[in-house]
Amino acid sequence: MFRIKLQRTQPAWYGPAAVACFVLALSAGLAGCLLTTNAIVNAHAHPTLYTVGLISLILALPLAALGAHCLDLIDRRQQKL
């Protein structure tokens, strides 16, 4: 008799997650570039900092891809509505 059609709403975490992923990817990329450059940090004197820089440089790309995925989820939701 009384049928209420539920409307799907966009989850509130897609936008902030995309922004956070892009900011983290940018900062990880910059930190990785700075820590792996021999002019700034000597890899032989500080191998731990070089390793941290290399790991953060490698993680920058998956973080950017995750941010792009969150933006894609936002776009898909808006196209369905």
Protein backbone atom coordinates (compact mmCIF):
# COMPACT_ATOMS: atom_id res chain seq x y z
CA MET A 1 0.00 0.00 0.00
CA PHE A 2 2.51 2.61 1.10
CA ARG A 3 5.75 2.10 -0.76
CA ILE A 4 8.61 4.40 -0.09
CA LYS A 5 11.35 4.38 -2.67
CA LEU A 6 14.73 4.72 -1.03
CA GLN A 7 17.13 7.07 -2.71
CA ARG A 8 20.80 6.28 -2.76
CA THR A 9 23.00 9.04 -1.53
CA GLN A 10 26.68 9.50 -2.10
CA PRO A 11 28.80 8.39 0.83
CA ALA A 12 30.44 11.35 2.48
CA TRP A 13 33.90 9.85 2.60
CA TYR A 14 34.64 9.70 -1.15
CA GLY A 15 35.61 13.36 -1.49
CA PRO A 16 37.79 13.69 1.62
CA ALA A 17 39.42 10.34 0.87
CA ALA A 18 40.35 11.49 -2.63
CA VAL A 19 41.82 14.75 -1.33
CA ALA A 20 43.73 12.94 1.43
CA CYS A 21 45.14 10.40 -1.02
CA PHE A 22 46.31 13.08 -3.43
CA VAL A 23 47.90 15.14 -0.64
CA LEU A 24 49.64 12.07 0.77
CA ALA A 25 50.83 11.04 -2.70
CA LEU A 26 52.26 14.49 -3.34
CA SER A 27 54.00 14.69 0.03
CA ALA A 28 55.32 11.11 -0.29
CA GLY A 29 56.65 11.87 -3.75
CA LEU A 30 58.37 15.04 -2.60
CA ALA A 31 59.82 13.37 0.48
CA GLY A 32 60.98 10.43 -1.61
CA CYS A 33 62.68 12.70 -4.11
CA LEU A 34 64.41 14.66 -1.37
CA LEU A 35 65.55 11.64 0.61
CA THR A 36 66.85 9.64 -2.34
CA THR A 37 68.83 12.51 -3.87
CA ASN A 38 72.52 12.13 -3.02
CA ALA A 39 73.04 15.91 -2.96
CA ILE A 40 70.76 16.28 0.06
CA VAL A 41 71.14 12.98 1.95
CA ASN A 42 74.19 10.78 1.50
CA ALA A 43 72.98 7.21 0.97
CA HIS A 44 76.18 5.72 2.42
CA ALA A 45 76.07 7.78 5.61
CA HIS A 46 72.30 7.49 6.17
CA PRO A 47 71.02 4.24 4.64
CA THR A 48 67.86 4.27 6.78
CA LEU A 49 66.76 7.68 5.47
CA TYR A 50 67.50 6.54 1.93
CA THR A 51 65.35 3.43 2.47
CA VAL A 52 62.47 5.50 3.89
CA GLY A 53 62.73 7.85 0.92
CA LEU A 54 62.72 5.00 -1.55
CA ILE A 55 59.68 3.39 0.07
CA SER A 56 57.78 6.68 0.14
CA LEU A 57 58.69 7.31 -3.49
CA ILE A 58 57.34 3.88 -4.45
CA LEU A 59 54.13 4.39 -2.41
CA ALA A 60 53.33 7.71 -4.10
CA LEU A 61 51.95 6.06 -7.23
CA PRO A 62 49.50 3.65 -5.53
CA LEU A 63 48.25 6.50 -3.33
CA ALA A 64 47.56 8.64 -6.39
CA ALA A 65 45.79 5.69 -8.02
CA LEU A 66 43.63 5.25 -4.92
CA GLY A 67 42.70 8.93 -5.01
CA ALA A 68 41.76 8.59 -8.68
CA HIS A 69 39.62 5.57 -7.82
CA CYS A 70 37.74 7.60 -5.19
CA LEU A 71 37.10 10.32 -7.77
CA ASP A 72 35.87 7.66 -10.18
CA LEU A 73 33.43 6.39 -7.53
CA ILE A 74 32.09 9.93 -7.13
CA ASP A 75 31.66 10.24 -10.89
CA ARG A 76 29.87 6.90 -11.18
CA ARG A 77 27.43 7.81 -8.41
CA GLN A 78 26.62 11.13 -10.05
CA GLN A 79 25.99 9.47 -13.40
CA LYS A 80 23.56 6.97 -11.85
CA LEU A 81 21.51 9.73 -10.26
